[in-house]
Amino acid sequence: MWRMKNIIFLFFLSSCSLFKTHYLAGDLRQAVKKVCLNTAGKGRLFIKERKYIFSYESALDEKHANWILALSFPMHKTETFKIDWSEEGRVRFESSIEEKILKENSEINPQSLEVFTHGVGKLLNEVIELKTQRQTQRTDFKWKVSRKNIVAVSRKMRMTAKFSNLVSNSHFGLISVSYHDLNDQTYKMDLVVKNCFK
């Protein structure tokens, strides 16, 4: 009986250490290092009432100054989203996802969709600038670090991003970006990070 109690107690202690909660420091540049940009995982895209499920891979190429996100939708071709800052003082966004969504949803406002995709581009560009210690020319987002997540808000673009679910103190397991257009239509993307390739 005594031995069984010890085994149960040891199991309890080890399970507590397995589910240890990890917290962030208050410094934004340190916290944003936990945003993994070389990843693979699953995602959801909500455009008005429509939901898209996809798997994705992303890669940051600091040498050539770009970041690419490849979205694979079931039974469809892979769509890409690219941010390029190789030209001094200029950031370019390229996306093939807009064309796919507009083709399938005639009621969607193309300008709202463009604001959403460019807003995601601006957000990720700021993350890259913070992670790579590049000089931020100007910021479109107000950043807040709490103990468990980072939140970025742009009132001008009506956009909010949240980096949460810290995985074993190494990287965020969930990235959520949402946008509400002037007609109060919601656009949202969730990226669930399954693998982080540092």
C-alpha atoms as a PDB file:
ATOM      1  CA  MET A   1       0.000   0.000   0.000  1.00  0.00           C
ATOM      2  CA  TRP A   2       2.779   2.395   0.975  1.00  0.00           C
ATOM      3  CA  ARG A   3       4.596   1.661  -2.305  1.00  0.00           C
ATOM      4  CA  MET A   4       1.416   2.349  -4.318  1.00  0.00           C
ATOM      5  CA  LYS A   5       0.991   5.746  -2.624  1.00  0.00           C
ATOM      6  CA  ASN A   6       4.579   6.651  -3.499  1.00  0.00           C
ATOM      7  CA  ILE A   7       4.070   5.643  -7.119  1.00  0.00           C
ATOM      8  CA  ILE A   8       0.891   7.737  -7.354  1.00  0.00           C
ATOM      9  CA  PHE A   9       2.663  10.708  -5.723  1.00  0.00           C
ATOM     10  CA  LEU A  10       5.623  10.446  -8.133  1.00  0.00           C
ATOM     11  CA  PHE A  11       3.265  10.186 -11.100  1.00  0.00           C
ATOM     12  CA  PHE A  12       1.445  13.310  -9.903  1.00  0.00           C
ATOM     13  CA  LEU A  13       4.718  15.244  -9.577  1.00  0.00           C
ATOM     14  CA  SER A  14       5.966  14.199 -13.009  1.00  0.00           C
ATOM     15  CA  SER A  15       2.628  15.011 -14.657  1.00  0.00           C
ATOM     16  CA  CYS A  16       2.716  18.487 -13.097  1.00  0.00           C
ATOM     17  CA  SER A  17       6.131  19.094 -14.635  1.00  0.00           C
ATOM     18  CA  LEU A  18       4.849  17.891 -18.024  1.00  0.00           C
ATOM     19  CA  PHE A  19       2.041  20.435 -17.990  1.00  0.00           C
ATOM     20  CA  LYS A  20       4.093  23.316 -16.675  1.00  0.00           C
ATOM     21  CA  THR A  21       2.780  26.728 -17.714  1.00  0.00           C
ATOM     22  CA  HIS A  22       5.319  28.949 -19.448  1.00  0.00           C
ATOM     23  CA  TYR A  23       5.251  32.725 -19.199  1.00  0.00           C
ATOM     24  CA  LEU A  24       6.647  35.563 -21.281  1.00  0.00           C
ATOM     25  CA  ALA A  25       8.954  38.336 -20.177  1.00  0.00           C
ATOM     26  CA  GLY A  26       7.498  41.834 -20.570  1.00  0.00           C
ATOM     27  CA  ASP A  27       9.953  42.884 -23.301  1.00  0.00           C
ATOM     28  CA  LEU A  28       8.373  42.870 -26.794  1.00  0.00           C
ATOM     29  CA  ARG A  29      11.592  42.090 -28.705  1.00  0.00           C
ATOM     30  CA  GLN A  30      12.251  39.078 -26.468  1.00  0.00           C
ATOM     31  CA  ALA A  31       8.642  37.862 -26.583  1.00  0.00           C
ATOM     32  CA  VAL A  32       8.361  38.174 -30.374  1.00  0.00           C
ATOM     33  CA  LYS A  33      11.323  35.796 -30.758  1.00  0.00           C
ATOM     34  CA  LYS A  34       8.819  33.079 -29.844  1.00  0.00           C
ATOM     35  CA  VAL A  35       6.836  33.783 -33.039  1.00  0.00           C
ATOM     36  CA  CYS A  36       8.105  31.016 -35.314  1.00  0.00           C
ATOM     37  CA  LEU A  37       8.265  31.986 -39.006  1.00  0.00           C
ATOM     38  CA  ASN A  38       9.708  28.704 -40.344  1.00  0.00           C
ATOM     39  CA  THR A  39       6.749  26.456 -39.660  1.00  0.00           C
ATOM     40  CA  ALA A  40       4.342  23.787 -40.827  1.00  0.00           C
ATOM     41  CA  GLY A  41       0.857  23.201 -39.561  1.00  0.00           C
ATOM     42  CA  LYS A  42      -2.866  23.474 -40.123  1.00  0.00           C
ATOM     43  CA  GLY A  43      -5.009  26.524 -40.574  1.00  0.00           C
ATOM     44  CA  ARG A  44      -8.486  27.939 -40.957  1.00  0.00           C
ATOM     45  CA  LEU A  45      -9.568  30.938 -42.986  1.00  0.00           C
ATOM     46  CA  PHE A  46     -12.967  32.512 -42.301  1.00  0.00           C
ATOM     47  CA  ILE A  47     -14.278  34.895 -44.961  1.00  0.00           C
ATOM     48  CA  LYS A  48     -17.743  36.129 -44.019  1.00  0.00           C
ATOM     49  CA  GLU A  49     -19.744  32.895 -43.483  1.00  0.00           C
ATOM     50  CA  ARG A  50     -17.357  30.720 -45.517  1.00  0.00           C
ATOM     51  CA  LYS A  51     -14.674  28.566 -43.854  1.00  0.00           C
ATOM     52  CA  TYR A  52     -11.562  27.204 -45.590  1.00  0.00           C
ATOM     53  CA  ILE A  53      -9.354  24.502 -44.043  1.00  0.00           C
ATOM     54  CA  PHE A  54      -5.751  24.157 -45.181  1.00  0.00           C
ATOM     55  CA  SER A  55      -2.327  22.852 -44.287  1.00  0.00           C
ATOM     56  CA  TYR A  56       0.579  25.250 -44.622  1.00  0.00           C
ATOM     57  CA  GLU A  57       4.330  25.717 -44.631  1.00  0.00           C
ATOM     58  CA  SER A  58       6.201  28.970 -44.186  1.00  0.00           C
ATOM     59  CA  ALA A  59       9.829  29.946 -44.618  1.00  0.00           C
ATOM     60  CA  LEU A  60      11.808  33.042 -43.666  1.00  0.00           C
ATOM     61  CA  ASP A  61      14.788  33.748 -45.941  1.00  0.00           C
ATOM     62  CA  GLU A  62      16.768  36.540 -44.270  1.00  0.00           C
ATOM     63  CA  LYS A  63      19.563  36.393 -46.874  1.00  0.00           C
ATOM     64  CA  HIS A  64      17.177  37.182 -49.757  1.00  0.00           C
ATOM     65  CA  ALA A  65      14.924  39.299 -47.515  1.00  0.00           C
ATOM     66  CA  ASN A  66      11.603  37.508 -47.965  1.00  0.00           C
ATOM     67  CA  TRP A  67       9.036  35.336 -46.216  1.00  0.00           C
ATOM     68  CA  ILE A  68       6.723  32.895 -47.999  1.00  0.00           C
ATOM     69  CA  LEU A  69       3.560  31.209 -46.743  1.00  0.00           C
ATOM     70  CA  ALA A  70       2.249  28.315 -48.875  1.00  0.00           C
ATOM     71  CA  LEU A  71      -1.365  27.282 -48.231  1.00  0.00           C
ATOM     72  CA  SER A  72      -2.518  23.845 -49.454  1.00  0.00           C
ATOM     73  CA  PHE A  73      -6.286  23.511 -49.752  1.00  0.00           C
ATOM     74  CA  PRO A  74      -7.814  20.038 -50.222  1.00  0.00           C
ATOM     75  CA  MET A  75      -8.249  19.214 -53.930  1.00  0.00           C
ATOM     76  CA  HIS A  76      -6.982  22.659 -55.002  1.00  0.00           C
ATOM     77  CA  LYS A  77      -3.656  24.083 -56.061  1.00  0.00           C
ATOM     78  CA  THR A  78      -1.322  25.593 -53.487  1.00  0.00           C
ATOM     79  CA  GLU A  79      -1.803  29.321 -52.906  1.00  0.00           C
ATOM     80  CA  THR A  80       1.056  31.567 -51.800  1.00  0.00           C
ATOM     81  CA  PHE A  81       1.530  34.720 -49.781  1.00  0.00           C
ATOM     82  CA  LYS A  82       4.903  36.466 -49.986  1.00  0.00           C
ATOM     83  CA  ILE A  83       6.497  39.455 -48.254  1.00  0.00           C
ATOM     84  CA  ASP A  84       9.661  40.869 -49.845  1.00  0.00           C
ATOM     85  CA  TRP A  85      11.809  43.676 -48.406  1.00  0.00           C
ATOM     86  CA  SER A  86      14.899  43.202 -50.580  1.00  0.00           C
ATOM     87  CA  GLU A  87      14.646  46.728 -52.049  1.00  0.00           C
ATOM     88  CA  GLU A  88      15.847  49.415 -49.655  1.00  0.00           C
ATOM     89  CA  GLY A  89      12.952  51.216 -47.963  1.00  0.00           C
ATOM     90  CA  ARG A  90      10.263  49.201 -49.789  1.00  0.00           C
ATOM     91  CA  VAL A  91       8.126  46.251 -48.720  1.00  0.00           C
ATOM     92  CA  ARG A  92       6.173  44.303 -51.363  1.00  0.00           C
ATOM     93  CA  PHE A  93       3.292  41.873 -50.818  1.00  0.00           C
ATOM     94  CA  GLU A  94       2.277  39.227 -53.339  1.00  0.00           C
ATOM     95  CA  SER A  95      -0.695  36.928 -52.849  1.00  0.00           C
ATOM     96  CA  SER A  96      -2.530  34.406 -55.010  1.00  0.00           C
ATOM     97  CA  ILE A  97      -5.145  33.698 -52.336  1.00  0.00           C
ATOM     98  CA  GLU A  98      -7.276  36.756 -53.165  1.00  0.00           C
ATOM     99  CA  GLU A  99      -8.020  35.502 -56.679  1.00  0.00           C
ATOM    100  CA  LYS A 100      -9.163  32.097 -55.355  1.00  0.00           C
ATOM    101  CA  ILE A 101     -11.483  33.616 -52.743  1.00  0.00           C
ATOM    102  CA  LEU A 102     -13.023  36.168 -55.115  1.00  0.00           C
ATOM    103  CA  LYS A 103     -13.665  33.453 -57.707  1.00  0.00           C
ATOM    104  CA  GLU A 104     -15.581  31.369 -55.170  1.00  0.00           C
ATOM    105  CA  ASN A 105     -17.407  34.240 -53.412  1.00  0.00           C
ATOM    106  CA  SER A 106     -18.897  36.858 -55.724  1.00  0.00           C
ATOM    107  CA  GLU A 107     -20.484  38.787 -52.817  1.00  0.00           C
ATOM    108  CA  ILE A 108     -17.127  39.588 -51.171  1.00  0.00           C
ATOM    109  CA  ASN A 109     -15.867  43.137 -51.482  1.00  0.00           C
ATOM    110  CA  PRO A 110     -12.461  42.928 -53.260  1.00  0.00           C
ATOM    111  CA  GLN A 111     -11.185  46.028 -51.432  1.00  0.00           C
ATOM    112  CA  SER A 112     -11.993  44.528 -48.015  1.00  0.00           C
ATOM    113  CA  LEU A 113     -10.181  41.333 -48.955  1.00  0.00           C
ATOM    114  CA  GLU A 114      -7.179  43.344 -50.136  1.00  0.00           C
ATOM    115  CA  VAL A 115      -7.125  45.329 -46.875  1.00  0.00           C
ATOM    116  CA  PHE A 116      -7.147  42.021 -44.968  1.00  0.00           C
ATOM    117  CA  THR A 117      -4.315  40.385 -46.949  1.00  0.00           C
ATOM    118  CA  HIS A 118      -2.195  43.566 -46.923  1.00  0.00           C
ATOM    119  CA  GLY A 119      -2.886  43.959 -43.199  1.00  0.00           C
ATOM    120  CA  VAL A 120      -1.602  40.413 -42.616  1.00  0.00           C
ATOM    121  CA  GLY A 121       1.450  41.366 -44.691  1.00  0.00           C
ATOM    122  CA  LYS A 122       2.097  44.515 -42.649  1.00  0.00           C
ATOM    123  CA  LEU A 123       1.666  42.597 -39.391  1.00  0.00           C
ATOM    124  CA  LEU A 124       4.117  39.863 -40.397  1.00  0.00           C
ATOM    125  CA  ASN A 125       6.567  42.456 -41.695  1.00  0.00           C
ATOM    126  CA  GLU A 126       6.567  44.106 -38.258  1.00  0.00           C
ATOM    127  CA  VAL A 127       7.108  40.700 -36.609  1.00  0.00           C
ATOM    128  CA  ILE A 128      10.067  40.086 -38.947  1.00  0.00           C
ATOM    129  CA  GLU A 129      11.495  43.550 -38.209  1.00  0.00           C
ATOM    130  CA  LEU A 130      11.248  42.938 -34.466  1.00  0.00           C
ATOM    131  CA  LYS A 131      12.732  39.411 -34.712  1.00  0.00           C
ATOM    132  CA  THR A 132      15.608  40.382 -37.002  1.00  0.00           C
ATOM    133  CA  GLN A 133      16.310  43.659 -35.164  1.00  0.00           C
ATOM    134  CA  ARG A 134      15.858  45.664 -38.369  1.00  0.00           C
ATOM    135  CA  GLN A 135      14.980  49.319 -37.915  1.00  0.00           C
ATOM    136  CA  THR A 136      11.201  49.745 -37.832  1.00  0.00           C
ATOM    137  CA  GLN A 137      10.388  52.739 -40.042  1.00  0.00           C
ATOM    138  CA  ARG A 138       6.884  53.159 -38.654  1.00  0.00           C
ATOM    139  CA  THR A 139       4.479  50.883 -36.913  1.00  0.00           C
ATOM    140  CA  ASP A 140       0.886  50.199 -37.961  1.00  0.00           C
ATOM    141  CA  PHE A 141       0.189  48.138 -34.840  1.00  0.00           C
ATOM    142  CA  LYS A 142       0.121  48.796 -31.121  1.00  0.00           C
ATOM    143  CA  TRP A 143       1.768  45.828 -29.353  1.00  0.00           C
ATOM    144  CA  LYS A 144       1.032  44.477 -25.878  1.00  0.00           C
ATOM    145  CA  VAL A 145       2.831  41.608 -24.120  1.00  0.00           C
ATOM    146  CA  SER A 146       1.071  39.770 -21.297  1.00  0.00           C
ATOM    147  CA  ARG A 147       2.265  36.724 -19.344  1.00  0.00           C
ATOM    148  CA  LYS A 148       0.856  34.229 -21.872  1.00  0.00           C
ATOM    149  CA  ASN A 149       0.471  36.003 -25.218  1.00  0.00           C
ATOM    150  CA  ILE A 150       1.207  38.940 -27.492  1.00  0.00           C
ATOM    151  CA  VAL A 151      -1.598  41.064 -28.927  1.00  0.00           C
ATOM    152  CA  ALA A 152      -1.191  43.535 -31.805  1.00  0.00           C
ATOM    153  CA  VAL A 153      -3.995  45.977 -32.651  1.00  0.00           C
ATOM    154  CA  SER A 154      -4.365  48.377 -35.573  1.00  0.00           C
ATOM    155  CA  ARG A 155      -7.346  50.694 -35.135  1.00  0.00           C
ATOM    156  CA  LYS A 156      -6.653  52.249 -38.537  1.00  0.00           C
ATOM    157  CA  MET A 157      -6.924  48.864 -40.303  1.00  0.00           C
ATOM    158  CA  ARG A 158      -9.552  47.476 -37.849  1.00  0.00           C
ATOM    159  CA  MET A 159      -7.302  44.458 -37.350  1.00  0.00           C
ATOM    160  CA  THR A 160      -6.259  42.410 -34.300  1.00  0.00           C
ATOM    161  CA  ALA A 161      -3.644  39.672 -34.031  1.00  0.00           C
ATOM    162  CA  LYS A 162      -2.978  37.331 -31.139  1.00  0.00           C
ATOM    163  CA  PHE A 163       0.011  35.020 -30.638  1.00  0.00           C
ATOM    164  CA  SER A 164      -0.839  32.445 -27.951  1.00  0.00           C
ATOM    165  CA  ASN A 165      -0.546  28.825 -26.707  1.00  0.00           C
ATOM    166  CA  LEU A 166       3.136  28.932 -25.807  1.00  0.00           C
ATOM    167  CA  VAL A 167       4.603  25.491 -26.542  1.00  0.00           C
ATOM    168  CA  SER A 168       7.263  24.381 -24.014  1.00  0.00           C
ATOM    169  CA  ASN A 169       8.630  27.928 -23.788  1.00  0.00           C
ATOM    170  CA  SER A 170       9.958  27.752 -27.357  1.00  0.00           C
ATOM    171  CA  HIS A 171       7.259  29.104 -29.691  1.00  0.00           C
ATOM    172  CA  PHE A 172       3.623  30.144 -29.960  1.00  0.00           C
ATOM    173  CA  GLY A 173       1.326  27.317 -31.057  1.00  0.00           C
ATOM    174  CA  LEU A 174      -1.454  29.560 -32.378  1.00  0.00           C
ATOM    175  CA  ILE A 175      -1.469  32.723 -34.485  1.00  0.00           C
ATOM    176  CA  SER A 176      -4.865  34.392 -35.034  1.00  0.00           C
ATOM    177  CA  VAL A 177      -5.485  37.462 -37.198  1.00  0.00           C
ATOM    178  CA  SER A 178      -8.924  39.045 -37.572  1.00  0.00           C
ATOM    179  CA  TYR A 179     -10.266  42.034 -39.502  1.00  0.00           C
ATOM    180  CA  HIS A 180     -13.696  43.711 -39.455  1.00  0.00           C
ATOM    181  CA  ASP A 181     -14.512  45.760 -42.542  1.00  0.00           C
ATOM    182  CA  LEU A 182     -16.699  48.876 -42.585  1.00  0.00           C
ATOM    183  CA  ASN A 183     -19.798  46.715 -43.184  1.00  0.00           C
ATOM    184  CA  ASP A 184     -18.888  44.711 -40.054  1.00  0.00           C
ATOM    185  CA  GLN A 185     -17.995  41.624 -42.088  1.00  0.00           C
ATOM    186  CA  THR A 186     -15.370  39.448 -40.405  1.00  0.00           C
ATOM    187  CA  TYR A 187     -12.233  38.017 -42.008  1.00  0.00           C
ATOM    188  CA  LYS A 188     -10.110  35.734 -39.834  1.00  0.00           C
ATOM    189  CA  MET A 189      -7.114  33.445 -40.223  1.00  0.00           C
ATOM    190  CA  ASP A 190      -5.853  30.948 -37.619  1.00  0.00           C
ATOM    191  CA  LEU A 191      -2.488  29.229 -38.023  1.00  0.00           C
ATOM    192  CA  VAL A 192      -1.923  26.233 -35.729  1.00  0.00           C
ATOM    193  CA  VAL A 193       1.835  25.631 -35.545  1.00  0.00           C
ATOM    194  CA  LYS A 194       2.524  21.880 -35.548  1.00  0.00           C
ATOM    195  CA  ASN A 195       6.262  22.125 -36.323  1.00  0.00           C
ATOM    196  CA  CYS A 196       8.660  24.994 -35.760  1.00  0.00           C
ATOM    197  CA  PHE A 197      11.911  24.808 -37.744  1.00  0.00           C
ATOM    198  CA  LYS A 198      14.163  27.348 -36.042  1.00  0.00           C
END
